[in-house]
Amino acid sequence: MPPQSWREQHRLYSECSRAAAVREEGPLWFCTDRWSLQVRKRGVLSPQQFPRALRIFYETRPTGGSVRWTRDQDKRSCVYTAGSPINNRALFPCQEPPVAMSTWQAAVRAPGECVVLMSGEEQAVPRQEINTGFFIWSYYVTMPMPASTLALAVGHWHLVPTVLPCGSDSDRSESVDKPRAGSCELSQTRPDQGSSDASDLPLQTASGDQTTRSAFTFCHFSLEDEEPALTDYSGPMDDCISCSHGDYPCRFIEQRAMSQREIPHRVFAPACLLQRAQLVLNLLPQCLAAAHTVLGVHPFSRLDVLIVPSGFSSLGMASPHIIFLSQSVLGVSDGESPMDSSLCGSRLSHEIAHSWFGLVIGARDWTEEWISEGFATFLEDIIWAQTQQISVQEAAEQSDLKALLRWRRLSDELQNSQEQLQILRPNLDNTGAVSESGASTVKHALNPDKTFMQVHYLKGFFLLRFLASQVGEQQFIDFFRVFVKKYHGQLILSQDFLKMVLFTFPDIERKGLTLSAIYADWLDRPGIPTWLRDRSSVWLQARLVQEVKAEVVKWILPSRSHQGKGRKRKRSAPNVNHKEVRHRWCELVVKHRFSQAYGDVEHFLIRDQAMGVYLYGELMVQEDARQQTLARRCLELVREEMDHSARRVVEEMVL
């Protein structure tokens, strides 16, 4: 059906899912193994003879890796998916290769006190089951996407309000932010829900209070009339390019979507984190507007952000219409502006960038993770600088400082990892190849060491930075907008991006920068490319880097001057906020065996599990009995709530 008939198509799909089975033929023959469900029909000799639709009745197991059954920070039961990095096959039967893209619909039945969040183009308006106390939450998407991108979270979540209500069961902080100017708008009602006024029905919240459906509507603050941003990334190159994907209702050709700098959004969190989650709600509209300024049309119509349980294994994960965010990124000192929280702002910018690179444009071969993570890492600096509204010079200085830190992190990782795991295109010329049956293999996918490596983030970031240095950053960002407009809704390989770069900027190819040269230097070999090694010496001379060095000297000299001296007087602790550098602070505590701050390390490993995996390794490699005891004690305290993959890696290091 044509894209303008999507509502009718949606209705027909819903009816099909409830249709009666063909009774006379009985169930189809099937078998399962560890990795797959195989369905056959007797007498079928060709794909054309196989049934066009299947209905599969199934149950998931609590041990399935695609979903996490756990407790939130309020110690209440919840469940959320972890499908994006590992696929969703333990949540529902699905085809795994990225090329098997599809739309989906879901009706989730949950207890009345729970909130159901999911990838979906419209805000779900739950309907109550009669006499059960359960609600049905319906979601759907019309853009075909890989099954691994679907995300779901069910729990006793609370909507983070613009202003916390009196007596809120939160962190008991008395200072709250002033309300922001704006308005709330309801999303469209699905055509098959009728015209009943469901928004006025009472909804039982996690705290036991009753509220109305409108409490869960989106807050949308229009930024179209504000002054233009300091850097205008909208270039002349993004015209005259039409969609080249399959038919679906596409936002990239909607006039309203083109000018919608900020999409409707909500933030959810457990009750105990409502106060701290205000930071996310305050930063989100500016980050969304900045991303639109840099990249253009938002690929998705709305966004929910959920502060997930502490056992979440990363800082964030982006899926269509929903972002999972770790509590580790929350934290700004009293009296500070949200713009002072670089960790939270950068992470939000990173996950928002995935809407363009990773979701609406994905990698056709899963081994090419750099297409998603390298791009998001590169864009997070640009979006965050735009969010802060800093000058071009300040943005460049921040970028150089971050580049140096990433260079050091990459150098450490490459020195302590297998060479085969350092290659961004491990399948080389076979990248994107599939067997006759349509199956493909993800190289190194079962290697636990790869899960927590950042080489595809960092090396991919530096490749894009290298290309920007060859053509000019402004021109490169203008090119990003054109690339997104051409390839949105599609899966790509490295050569699709690189060939378009070389075609758009022919001067660099005339200088000797060819596709084969980029493959050889950046994608097909382990180690560090020559350009990156040379460039790092330039970043060492950056102004902000020199400022940091000078600040370090202020800490080191007083410390040395007191070594070996008697305790004549008690020195006051330095007035420093560690919230933004907690991980680095703990690394220094471990490295220098600063036993007075071991409590900080223990607190970090228990509360900030998303960032703690690497710290366990630091504690064990020192071969200090007290530090190793600390690592084992922390693991024992949080083992049950840890992400399974993270726990497996940590147990190998600690036990």
Foldseek 3Di string as FASTA:
>chain_A
DFQVCVLVVVVVVVVVLVDDDPPVQDDFDWDDDPPAIDTDHPPDDDPVPDDPDDHDDDDADCPDQQKDFAAFPVRWTKMKGPQQLPHNCRPDHDDAFFVRWDKDKDKDKDALQKDKDWFAQFAWLWDDDPPPNITITIGIDFQTGGRSQIIMMMTLKDWQDQWDDPPFLAQPDPDHDDHDDFDFDHTDDRPVVDDDPSQADWGQHNVRDTDGNSSPTFTAHAPLPPDDFPDQLADPPQPDAAEDADGHPWLVPDPVQQSRQFATEIEIEPRHCSRQCSLVVVLRRLLSNLCCRLATGQRGRYAYEYAGHQQDQAQWAAHRRYIYGHPLQTDDDPPDDSLVSPSSQLVSNLRSQLSQFPIQERASFVLQCLSRQQRSLLRSLSSSCRSVSDHPVVSVLVVLVVLLVLLVVLVVLLVPDDFCLLANQNVPPCGNPADPVRDDDHPCSPPLVNVPDCNSNRLSNVLLVVLCVVPPVSVSSNVSNNVSNNAGSHHDHPCVVVVVSCVVPVVVVVVVDDPVNCCVQRHGGGDHGPVSVVVSVVSCPRPVNVVVVVVVCVVPVVVVVCPPDDCPDDDDDDPDDCSNPLVVVLLVCLVVVVVVCVVSVLVCVQRNVNPCLVVLLSLQVVVDVVSLVSSVVSCVVCVVVHSPSSSVSSVVRND
